[in-house]
C-alpha atoms as a PDB file:
ATOM      1  CA  MET A   1      -0.010  -0.064  -0.151  1.00  0.00           C
ATOM      2  CA  LYS A   2       1.036   3.354  -0.744  1.00  0.00           C
ATOM      3  CA  LEU A   3       0.511   6.165   1.794  1.00  0.00           C
ATOM      4  CA  VAL A   4       0.554  10.067   1.473  1.00  0.00           C
ATOM      5  CA  ILE A   5       0.433  12.185   4.174  1.00  0.00           C
ATOM      6  CA  VAL A   6      -0.790  15.723   3.196  1.00  0.00           C
ATOM      7  CA  THR A   7       0.072  18.420   5.647  1.00  0.00           C
ATOM      8  CA  GLY A   8       1.244  21.964   5.975  1.00  0.00           C
ATOM      9  CA  MET A   9      -0.126  25.425   6.869  1.00  0.00           C
ATOM     10  CA  SER A  10      -3.783  25.999   7.289  1.00  0.00           C
ATOM     11  CA  GLY A  11      -4.769  27.743   4.302  1.00  0.00           C
ATOM     12  CA  ALA A  12      -2.204  26.568   2.013  1.00  0.00           C
ATOM     13  CA  GLY A  13      -4.328  24.094  -0.074  1.00  0.00           C
ATOM     14  CA  LYS A  14      -4.483  20.907   1.819  1.00  0.00           C
ATOM     15  CA  THR A  15      -8.092  20.179   0.938  1.00  0.00           C
ATOM     16  CA  ILE A  16      -7.624  20.841  -2.735  1.00  0.00           C
ATOM     17  CA  ALA A  17      -4.487  18.455  -2.707  1.00  0.00           C
ATOM     18  CA  LEU A  18      -6.704  15.590  -0.993  1.00  0.00           C
ATOM     19  CA  LYS A  19      -9.430  16.169  -3.687  1.00  0.00           C
ATOM     20  CA  MET A  20      -6.790  15.945  -6.348  1.00  0.00           C
ATOM     21  CA  LEU A  21      -5.259  12.621  -4.854  1.00  0.00           C
ATOM     22  CA  GLU A  22      -8.788  11.276  -4.605  1.00  0.00           C
ATOM     23  CA  ASP A  23      -9.418  12.162  -8.433  1.00  0.00           C
ATOM     24  CA  LEU A  24      -6.213   9.827  -8.719  1.00  0.00           C
ATOM     25  CA  GLY A  25      -7.432   7.076  -6.831  1.00  0.00           C
ATOM     26  CA  PHE A  26      -6.400   7.453  -3.385  1.00  0.00           C
ATOM     27  CA  TYR A  27      -8.784   6.810  -0.466  1.00  0.00           C
ATOM     28  CA  CYS A  28      -8.655  10.156   1.610  1.00  0.00           C
ATOM     29  CA  VAL A  29      -9.401  10.854   5.090  1.00  0.00           C
ATOM     30  CA  ASP A  30      -8.902  14.376   6.213  1.00  0.00           C
ATOM     31  CA  ASN A  31      -8.421  15.109  10.055  1.00  0.00           C
ATOM     32  CA  LEU A  32      -8.053  11.722  11.435  1.00  0.00           C
ATOM     33  CA  PRO A  33      -6.837  11.971  14.634  1.00  0.00           C
ATOM     34  CA  ILE A  34      -3.156  10.928  15.286  1.00  0.00           C
ATOM     35  CA  SER A  35      -4.359   8.190  17.922  1.00  0.00           C
ATOM     36  CA  LEU A  36      -6.262   6.683  15.208  1.00  0.00           C
ATOM     37  CA  ALA A  37      -3.703   6.924  12.210  1.00  0.00           C
ATOM     38  CA  ASP A  38      -1.673   3.923  12.730  1.00  0.00           C
ATOM     39  CA  LYS A  39      -4.858   1.725  13.210  1.00  0.00           C
ATOM     40  CA  PHE A  40      -6.331   3.131   9.943  1.00  0.00           C
ATOM     41  CA  VAL A  41      -3.143   1.975   8.205  1.00  0.00           C
ATOM     42  CA  GLN A  42      -3.284  -1.331   9.797  1.00  0.00           C
ATOM     43  CA  LEU A  43      -6.560  -1.970   8.805  1.00  0.00           C
ATOM     44  CA  VAL A  44      -6.146  -0.663   4.805  1.00  0.00           C
ATOM     45  CA  SER A  45      -2.715  -2.443   4.543  1.00  0.00           C
ATOM     46  CA  ASP A  46      -4.111  -5.946   5.733  1.00  0.00           C
ATOM     47  CA  GLY A  47      -4.924  -7.251   2.497  1.00  0.00           C
ATOM     48  CA  GLY A  48      -7.665  -4.688   1.933  1.00  0.00           C
ATOM     49  CA  THR A  49      -8.868  -3.541  -1.417  1.00  0.00           C
ATOM     50  CA  VAL A  50      -7.069  -0.146  -0.614  1.00  0.00           C
ATOM     51  CA  GLN A  51      -3.902   0.220  -2.471  1.00  0.00           C
ATOM     52  CA  LYS A  52      -3.342   3.884  -2.153  1.00  0.00           C
ATOM     53  CA  ALA A  53      -4.438   6.204   0.892  1.00  0.00           C
ATOM     54  CA  ALA A  54      -3.993   9.769   1.857  1.00  0.00           C
ATOM     55  CA  LEU A  55      -4.274  11.379   5.290  1.00  0.00           C
ATOM     56  CA  GLY A  56      -4.646  14.921   5.599  1.00  0.00           C
ATOM     57  CA  ILE A  57      -3.069  15.816   9.056  1.00  0.00           C
ATOM     58  CA  ASP A  58      -2.521  19.275  10.438  1.00  0.00           C
ATOM     59  CA  ILE A  59      -2.607  21.688  13.614  1.00  0.00           C
ATOM     60  CA  ARG A  60      -6.203  20.763  14.223  1.00  0.00           C
ATOM     61  CA  SER A  61      -4.884  17.500  15.469  1.00  0.00           C
ATOM     62  CA  GLY A  62      -3.839  19.493  18.589  1.00  0.00           C
ATOM     63  CA  GLU A  63      -1.451  18.176  21.217  1.00  0.00           C
ATOM     64  CA  GLY A  64      -1.588  14.882  19.271  1.00  0.00           C
ATOM     65  CA  LEU A  65       0.165  16.523  16.385  1.00  0.00           C
ATOM     66  CA  LYS A  66       3.414  15.878  18.094  1.00  0.00           C
ATOM     67  CA  ASP A  67       3.168  12.113  18.292  1.00  0.00           C
ATOM     68  CA  LEU A  68       3.135  12.018  14.433  1.00  0.00           C
ATOM     69  CA  GLU A  69       6.872  11.855  13.894  1.00  0.00           C
ATOM     70  CA  GLY A  70       7.161   8.770  16.110  1.00  0.00           C
ATOM     71  CA  VAL A  71       4.058   7.371  14.237  1.00  0.00           C
ATOM     72  CA  ILE A  72       5.776   7.866  10.720  1.00  0.00           C
ATOM     73  CA  GLU A  73       8.994   6.582  12.061  1.00  0.00           C
ATOM     74  CA  LYS A  74       7.228   3.296  13.093  1.00  0.00           C
ATOM     75  CA  TRP A  75       5.609   2.985   9.738  1.00  0.00           C
ATOM     76  CA  ARG A  76       8.861   3.356   7.953  1.00  0.00           C
ATOM     77  CA  ARG A  77      10.404   0.445  10.028  1.00  0.00           C
ATOM     78  CA  GLU A  78       7.542  -1.479   8.926  1.00  0.00           C
ATOM     79  CA  GLN A  79       8.590  -1.049   5.276  1.00  0.00           C
ATOM     80  CA  ILE A  80       5.359   1.155   4.865  1.00  0.00           C
ATOM     81  CA  ASP A  81       5.664   3.323   1.672  1.00  0.00           C
ATOM     82  CA  VAL A  82       4.898   6.535   3.123  1.00  0.00           C
ATOM     83  CA  GLN A  83       5.744  10.021   1.752  1.00  0.00           C
ATOM     84  CA  ILE A  84       4.821  13.243   3.260  1.00  0.00           C
ATOM     85  CA  ILE A  85       3.746  16.395   1.269  1.00  0.00           C
ATOM     86  CA  PHE A  86       4.156  19.655   2.964  1.00  0.00           C
ATOM     87  CA  LEU A  87       1.991  22.632   1.649  1.00  0.00           C
ATOM     88  CA  ASP A  88       3.190  25.898   2.601  1.00  0.00           C
ATOM     89  CA  ALA A  89       2.331  29.628   1.527  1.00  0.00           C
ATOM     90  CA  SER A  90       3.909  33.014   2.434  1.00  0.00           C
ATOM     91  CA  ASN A  91       2.209  34.653   5.492  1.00  0.00           C
ATOM     92  CA  THR A  92       0.940  37.569   2.985  1.00  0.00           C
ATOM     93  CA  ALA A  93      -0.826  34.856   0.912  1.00  0.00           C
ATOM     94  CA  LEU A  94      -2.391  32.676   4.083  1.00  0.00           C
ATOM     95  CA  ILE A  95      -3.652  36.197   5.504  1.00  0.00           C
ATOM     96  CA  LYS A  96      -5.090  37.054   2.204  1.00  0.00           C
ATOM     97  CA  ARG A  97      -7.069  33.634   1.949  1.00  0.00           C
ATOM     98  CA  TYR A  98      -8.330  33.991   5.611  1.00  0.00           C
ATOM     99  CA  LYS A  99      -9.510  37.386   4.848  1.00  0.00           C
ATOM    100  CA  GLU A 100     -11.365  36.316   1.711  1.00  0.00           C
ATOM    101  CA  THR A 101     -12.871  33.326   3.250  1.00  0.00           C
ATOM    102  CA  ARG A 102     -13.720  35.153   6.548  1.00  0.00           C
ATOM    103  CA  ARG A 103     -12.481  32.051   8.520  1.00  0.00           C
ATOM    104  CA  SER A 104     -10.735  32.263  11.711  1.00  0.00           C
ATOM    105  CA  HIS A 105      -7.058  30.748  12.058  1.00  0.00           C
ATOM    106  CA  PRO A 106      -7.139  27.480  14.444  1.00  0.00           C
ATOM    107  CA  LEU A 107      -4.486  28.939  16.602  1.00  0.00           C
ATOM    108  CA  ALA A 108      -5.201  32.795  16.334  1.00  0.00           C
ATOM    109  CA  GLY A 109      -8.256  32.605  18.726  1.00  0.00           C
ATOM    110  CA  LYS A 110      -9.455  36.128  19.215  1.00  0.00           C
ATOM    111  CA  GLY A 111      -5.911  37.470  18.700  1.00  0.00           C
ATOM    112  CA  ARG A 112      -4.050  38.522  15.580  1.00  0.00           C
ATOM    113  CA  LEU A 113      -4.205  36.241  12.428  1.00  0.00           C
ATOM    114  CA  GLU A 114      -0.289  36.809  12.105  1.00  0.00           C
ATOM    115  CA  THR A 115       0.316  35.553  15.586  1.00  0.00           C
ATOM    116  CA  GLY A 116      -1.664  32.362  14.680  1.00  0.00           C
ATOM    117  CA  ILE A 117       0.179  31.663  11.663  1.00  0.00           C
ATOM    118  CA  GLU A 118       3.758  32.014  13.326  1.00  0.00           C
ATOM    119  CA  LYS A 119       2.452  29.680  16.373  1.00  0.00           C
ATOM    120  CA  GLU A 120       1.349  26.928  13.406  1.00  0.00           C
ATOM    121  CA  ARG A 121       4.625  27.467  11.652  1.00  0.00           C
ATOM    122  CA  ALA A 122       6.361  26.651  14.803  1.00  0.00           C
ATOM    123  CA  ARG A 123       4.471  23.584  15.711  1.00  0.00           C
ATOM    124  CA  VAL A 124       4.578  22.166  12.350  1.00  0.00           C
ATOM    125  CA  ALA A 125       8.276  22.688  11.571  1.00  0.00           C
ATOM    126  CA  PHE A 126       9.188  19.154  12.417  1.00  0.00           C
ATOM    127  CA  LEU A 127       6.744  18.158   9.555  1.00  0.00           C
ATOM    128  CA  LYS A 128       8.397  20.307   7.050  1.00  0.00           C
ATOM    129  CA  LYS A 129      11.863  19.464   7.831  1.00  0.00           C
ATOM    130  CA  GLY A 130      10.905  15.718   7.299  1.00  0.00           C
ATOM    131  CA  SER A 131       8.806  16.143   4.365  1.00  0.00           C
ATOM    132  CA  ASP A 132       9.424  14.543   0.965  1.00  0.00           C
ATOM    133  CA  PHE A 133       8.006  17.253  -1.170  1.00  0.00           C
ATOM    134  CA  ILE A 134       7.516  21.002   0.154  1.00  0.00           C
ATOM    135  CA  ILE A 135       5.148  22.916  -2.370  1.00  0.00           C
ATOM    136  CA  ASP A 136       4.803  26.746  -1.990  1.00  0.00           C
ATOM    137  CA  THR A 137       1.240  27.669  -3.047  1.00  0.00           C
ATOM    138  CA  SER A 138       1.531  31.151  -2.383  1.00  0.00           C
ATOM    139  CA  MET A 139       1.109  32.000  -6.381  1.00  0.00           C
ATOM    140  CA  LEU A 140      -1.827  29.484  -7.014  1.00  0.00           C
ATOM    141  CA  LEU A 141      -5.274  29.898  -6.370  1.00  0.00           C
ATOM    142  CA  THR A 142      -6.864  27.731  -3.700  1.00  0.00           C
END
């Protein structure tokens, strides 16, 4: 089984990327809790009909996100074909997208959008560092 983790900054286009992977025949799950990710991979890789799966994992996982690094290491030790795609965008592009959609950033709360973006960058830095692909979507429409 081939497994793709789609991750990155909120507002960088992860939902669109997952939809594209679904169009390519991937079984996609977005926002699966980290505590269930390993069980999901076990279920779909145990001789099932799913040959390609993609998981959308990001800051919405909360404190569980820090456990993802260990889970990915476990999968790689078990010879699971896992790749990580990290979607990023400039702060300017992210701010523009949030203002256009009028949605609040998951870490901004009632504070400044820029503060939420910087907090997120710090928390997902380990994912970006360990990614197989980093895609800057700043100049793309999402």
